[in-house]
C-alpha cells in the first residue's frame, strides 16, 4: 500500500470513527513542488516535517499522526524527527503509524472511537474491495 492509499484509508476511517465534535486535518506538505511555490508556502508558515494528520477531539490534547509506508521504505526525515521531538516535548500525542490497525490502536488509547470494530472492519473491507 502506498502512503497516499494509506492516507485515504485513514481519512475515511476518521470521518466515521472520531467522537462527535472532533476535527482532523491533513497537512499537504509532501511531494515535490516548484521552488517558487515552496518559498511561498514557507513564508505562509508551512513547517517541513509537520505530521500528516492533526486531530482535535473534545477534552483531549491535540493528536498528531505521521503516516509511513511499511518498512523498509517509510522512514522519518530529519525534519520529521525534529518536529516529533518538539511535539513530544510539548507533551502532546504523537505516533508514526504504518497501517490502519496501528492508527486505531493508538487512538483507542487516547479517545473513545465510535462504532467499535464495526467501523474499523468496514474501513478495512472498503479498502480491500477498492484494491480489486
C-alpha atoms as a PDB file:
ATOM      1  CA  UNK A   1       0.000   0.000   0.000  1.00  0.00           C
ATOM      2  CA  UNK A   2       1.345   3.440  -0.880  1.00  0.00           C
ATOM      3  CA  UNK A   3       1.365   6.320   1.603  1.00  0.00           C
ATOM      4  CA  UNK A   4      -1.316   8.018  -0.485  1.00  0.00           C
ATOM      5  CA  UNK A   5      -3.567   4.950  -0.304  1.00  0.00           C
ATOM      6  CA  UNK A   6      -2.979   4.675   3.449  1.00  0.00           C
ATOM      7  CA  UNK A   7      -3.821   8.376   3.853  1.00  0.00           C
ATOM      8  CA  UNK A   8      -7.161   7.870   2.042  1.00  0.00           C
ATOM      9  CA  UNK A   9      -7.993   4.788   4.115  1.00  0.00           C
ATOM     10  CA  UNK A  10      -7.206   6.536   7.404  1.00  0.00           C
ATOM     11  CA  UNK A  11      -9.138   9.680   6.416  1.00  0.00           C
ATOM     12  CA  UNK A  12     -12.201   7.575   5.579  1.00  0.00           C
ATOM     13  CA  UNK A  13     -11.951   5.811   8.925  1.00  0.00           C
ATOM     14  CA  UNK A  14     -11.516   9.049  10.894  1.00  0.00           C
ATOM     15  CA  UNK A  15     -14.609  10.563   9.237  1.00  0.00           C
ATOM     16  CA  UNK A  16     -16.798   7.855  10.768  1.00  0.00           C
ATOM     17  CA  UNK A  17     -14.895   6.818  13.921  1.00  0.00           C
ATOM     18  CA  UNK A  18     -13.850  10.048  15.644  1.00  0.00           C
ATOM     19  CA  UNK A  19     -16.044  11.236  18.513  1.00  0.00           C
ATOM     20  CA  UNK A  20     -18.711  13.805  17.721  1.00  0.00           C
ATOM     21  CA  UNK A  21     -17.336  17.332  17.676  1.00  0.00           C
ATOM     22  CA  UNK A  22     -13.882  16.216  16.517  1.00  0.00           C
ATOM     23  CA  UNK A  23     -11.872  17.689  13.681  1.00  0.00           C
ATOM     24  CA  UNK A  24      -8.940  16.351  11.693  1.00  0.00           C
ATOM     25  CA  UNK A  25      -6.733  17.924   9.067  1.00  0.00           C
ATOM     26  CA  UNK A  26      -4.156  16.624   6.600  1.00  0.00           C
ATOM     27  CA  UNK A  27      -1.182  18.895   6.095  1.00  0.00           C
ATOM     28  CA  UNK A  28      -0.344  18.616   2.371  1.00  0.00           C
ATOM     29  CA  UNK A  29       3.378  19.255   2.612  1.00  0.00           C
ATOM     30  CA  UNK A  30       4.601  16.098   0.888  1.00  0.00           C
ATOM     31  CA  UNK A  31       5.866  15.752  -2.640  1.00  0.00           C
ATOM     32  CA  UNK A  32       7.932  17.976  -4.847  1.00  0.00           C
ATOM     33  CA  UNK A  33       6.715  21.440  -5.699  1.00  0.00           C
ATOM     34  CA  UNK A  34       8.088  24.244  -7.827  1.00  0.00           C
ATOM     35  CA  UNK A  35      10.752  26.199  -5.917  1.00  0.00           C
ATOM     36  CA  UNK A  36       8.769  29.465  -6.067  1.00  0.00           C
ATOM     37  CA  UNK A  37       5.733  27.715  -4.578  1.00  0.00           C
ATOM     38  CA  UNK A  38       7.862  26.149  -1.823  1.00  0.00           C
ATOM     39  CA  UNK A  39       9.200  29.606  -0.925  1.00  0.00           C
ATOM     40  CA  UNK A  40       5.638  30.941  -0.777  1.00  0.00           C
ATOM     41  CA  UNK A  41       4.464  28.046   1.423  1.00  0.00           C
ATOM     42  CA  UNK A  42       7.362  28.578   3.828  1.00  0.00           C
ATOM     43  CA  UNK A  43       6.529  32.307   4.032  1.00  0.00           C
ATOM     44  CA  UNK A  44       2.929  31.368   4.858  1.00  0.00           C
ATOM     45  CA  UNK A  45       4.115  29.191   7.747  1.00  0.00           C
ATOM     46  CA  UNK A  46       4.387  25.677   6.329  1.00  0.00           C
ATOM     47  CA  UNK A  47       6.689  23.593   8.521  1.00  0.00           C
ATOM     48  CA  UNK A  48       8.808  20.927   6.816  1.00  0.00           C
ATOM     49  CA  UNK A  49       8.303  17.637   8.643  1.00  0.00           C
ATOM     50  CA  UNK A  50       4.888  18.539  10.062  1.00  0.00           C
ATOM     51  CA  UNK A  51       2.863  15.328  10.656  1.00  0.00           C
ATOM     52  CA  UNK A  52       0.363  14.152   8.053  1.00  0.00           C
ATOM     53  CA  UNK A  53      -2.603  14.414  10.400  1.00  0.00           C
ATOM     54  CA  UNK A  54      -3.566  16.589  13.313  1.00  0.00           C
ATOM     55  CA  UNK A  55      -6.690  15.579  15.226  1.00  0.00           C
ATOM     56  CA  UNK A  56      -8.645  17.654  17.707  1.00  0.00           C
ATOM     57  CA  UNK A  57     -11.141  15.908  19.985  1.00  0.00           C
ATOM     58  CA  UNK A  58     -13.208  17.307  22.854  1.00  0.00           C
ATOM     59  CA  UNK A  59     -11.403  17.302  26.222  1.00  0.00           C
ATOM     60  CA  UNK A  60      -8.200  15.868  24.720  1.00  0.00           C
ATOM     61  CA  UNK A  61      -4.791  17.281  23.901  1.00  0.00           C
ATOM     62  CA  UNK A  62      -4.119  17.522  20.146  1.00  0.00           C
ATOM     63  CA  UNK A  63      -3.167  14.272  18.431  1.00  0.00           C
ATOM     64  CA  UNK A  64      -0.557  14.067  15.661  1.00  0.00           C
ATOM     65  CA  UNK A  65      -0.046  11.112  13.333  1.00  0.00           C
ATOM     66  CA  UNK A  66       2.701  10.650  10.775  1.00  0.00           C
ATOM     67  CA  UNK A  67       1.768   8.011   8.215  1.00  0.00           C
ATOM     68  CA  UNK A  68       4.544   5.946   6.674  1.00  0.00           C
ATOM     69  CA  UNK A  69       4.728   3.016   4.306  1.00  0.00           C
ATOM     70  CA  UNK A  70       5.564  -0.357   5.745  1.00  0.00           C
ATOM     71  CA  UNK A  71       9.267  -0.753   6.438  1.00  0.00           C
ATOM     72  CA  UNK A  72      11.896  -0.622   4.984  1.00  0.00           C
ATOM     73  CA  UNK A  73      10.728   2.249   2.723  1.00  0.00           C
ATOM     74  CA  UNK A  74       8.989   4.546   5.207  1.00  0.00           C
ATOM     75  CA  UNK A  75      11.456   6.371   7.460  1.00  0.00           C
ATOM     76  CA  UNK A  76      11.234   9.717   9.202  1.00  0.00           C
ATOM     77  CA  UNK A  77      13.230  12.548   7.654  1.00  0.00           C
ATOM     78  CA  UNK A  78      15.431  14.813   9.754  1.00  0.00           C
ATOM     79  CA  UNK A  79      12.697  17.499   9.711  1.00  0.00           C
ATOM     80  CA  UNK A  80      10.099  14.924  10.806  1.00  0.00           C
ATOM     81  CA  UNK A  81      12.329  13.781  13.682  1.00  0.00           C
ATOM     82  CA  UNK A  82      12.784  17.373  14.846  1.00  0.00           C
ATOM     83  CA  UNK A  83       9.021  18.077  14.739  1.00  0.00           C
ATOM     84  CA  UNK A  84       8.351  14.765  16.539  1.00  0.00           C
ATOM     85  CA  UNK A  85      10.701  15.830  19.353  1.00  0.00           C
ATOM     86  CA  UNK A  86       9.007  19.234  19.660  1.00  0.00           C
ATOM     87  CA  UNK A  87       5.521  17.691  19.793  1.00  0.00           C
ATOM     88  CA  UNK A  88       6.582  15.124  22.377  1.00  0.00           C
ATOM     89  CA  UNK A  89       8.337  17.816  24.478  1.00  0.00           C
ATOM     90  CA  UNK A  90       5.049  19.729  24.465  1.00  0.00           C
ATOM     91  CA  UNK A  91       3.511  16.538  25.951  1.00  0.00           C
ATOM     92  CA  UNK A  92       1.072  16.147  23.059  1.00  0.00           C
ATOM     93  CA  UNK A  93       0.060  12.833  21.491  1.00  0.00           C
ATOM     94  CA  UNK A  94       2.264  11.663  18.593  1.00  0.00           C
ATOM     95  CA  UNK A  95       2.663   8.405  16.696  1.00  0.00           C
ATOM     96  CA  UNK A  96       4.111   7.057  13.485  1.00  0.00           C
ATOM     97  CA  UNK A  97       1.614   4.591  12.007  1.00  0.00           C
ATOM     98  CA  UNK A  98       2.134   2.226   9.087  1.00  0.00           C
ATOM     99  CA  UNK A  99      -1.382   0.826   8.737  1.00  0.00           C
ATOM    100  CA  UNK A 100      -4.966   1.354   9.847  1.00  0.00           C
ATOM    101  CA  UNK A 101      -4.636  -1.087  12.746  1.00  0.00           C
ATOM    102  CA  UNK A 102      -1.820   0.987  14.258  1.00  0.00           C
ATOM    103  CA  UNK A 103      -3.902   4.168  13.848  1.00  0.00           C
ATOM    104  CA  UNK A 104      -6.888   2.573  15.595  1.00  0.00           C
ATOM    105  CA  UNK A 105      -4.764   1.147  18.420  1.00  0.00           C
ATOM    106  CA  UNK A 106      -3.005   4.473  19.005  1.00  0.00           C
ATOM    107  CA  UNK A 107      -6.246   6.467  19.020  1.00  0.00           C
ATOM    108  CA  UNK A 108      -8.157   3.972  21.180  1.00  0.00           C
ATOM    109  CA  UNK A 109      -5.600   4.519  23.959  1.00  0.00           C
ATOM    110  CA  UNK A 110      -6.460   8.244  23.929  1.00  0.00           C
ATOM    111  CA  UNK A 111     -10.130   8.602  22.925  1.00  0.00           C
ATOM    112  CA  UNK A 112     -13.290   6.527  22.631  1.00  0.00           C
ATOM    113  CA  UNK A 113     -13.814   5.769  18.962  1.00  0.00           C
ATOM    114  CA  UNK A 114     -17.328   5.463  17.563  1.00  0.00           C
ATOM    115  CA  UNK A 115     -18.599   2.226  16.123  1.00  0.00           C
ATOM    116  CA  UNK A 116     -16.046  -0.055  17.764  1.00  0.00           C
ATOM    117  CA  UNK A 117     -14.757  -2.768  15.459  1.00  0.00           C
ATOM    118  CA  UNK A 118     -17.735  -2.321  13.131  1.00  0.00           C
ATOM    119  CA  UNK A 119     -16.366   0.918  11.610  1.00  0.00           C
ATOM    120  CA  UNK A 120     -12.821  -0.429  11.666  1.00  0.00           C
ATOM    121  CA  UNK A 121     -13.793  -3.624   9.844  1.00  0.00           C
ATOM    122  CA  UNK A 122     -15.885  -1.600   7.390  1.00  0.00           C
ATOM    123  CA  UNK A 123     -12.855   0.589   6.591  1.00  0.00           C
ATOM    124  CA  UNK A 124     -10.675  -2.469   6.018  1.00  0.00           C
ATOM    125  CA  UNK A 125     -13.335  -4.094   3.842  1.00  0.00           C
ATOM    126  CA  UNK A 126     -13.769  -0.950   1.751  1.00  0.00           C
ATOM    127  CA  UNK A 127     -10.034  -0.769   1.118  1.00  0.00           C
ATOM    128  CA  UNK A 128      -9.751  -4.430   0.106  1.00  0.00           C
ATOM    129  CA  UNK A 129     -12.767  -4.031  -2.195  1.00  0.00           C
ATOM    130  CA  UNK A 130     -11.182  -0.995  -3.902  1.00  0.00           C
ATOM    131  CA  UNK A 131      -7.923  -2.896  -4.386  1.00  0.00           C
ATOM    132  CA  UNK A 132      -9.637  -5.442  -6.653  1.00  0.00           C
END
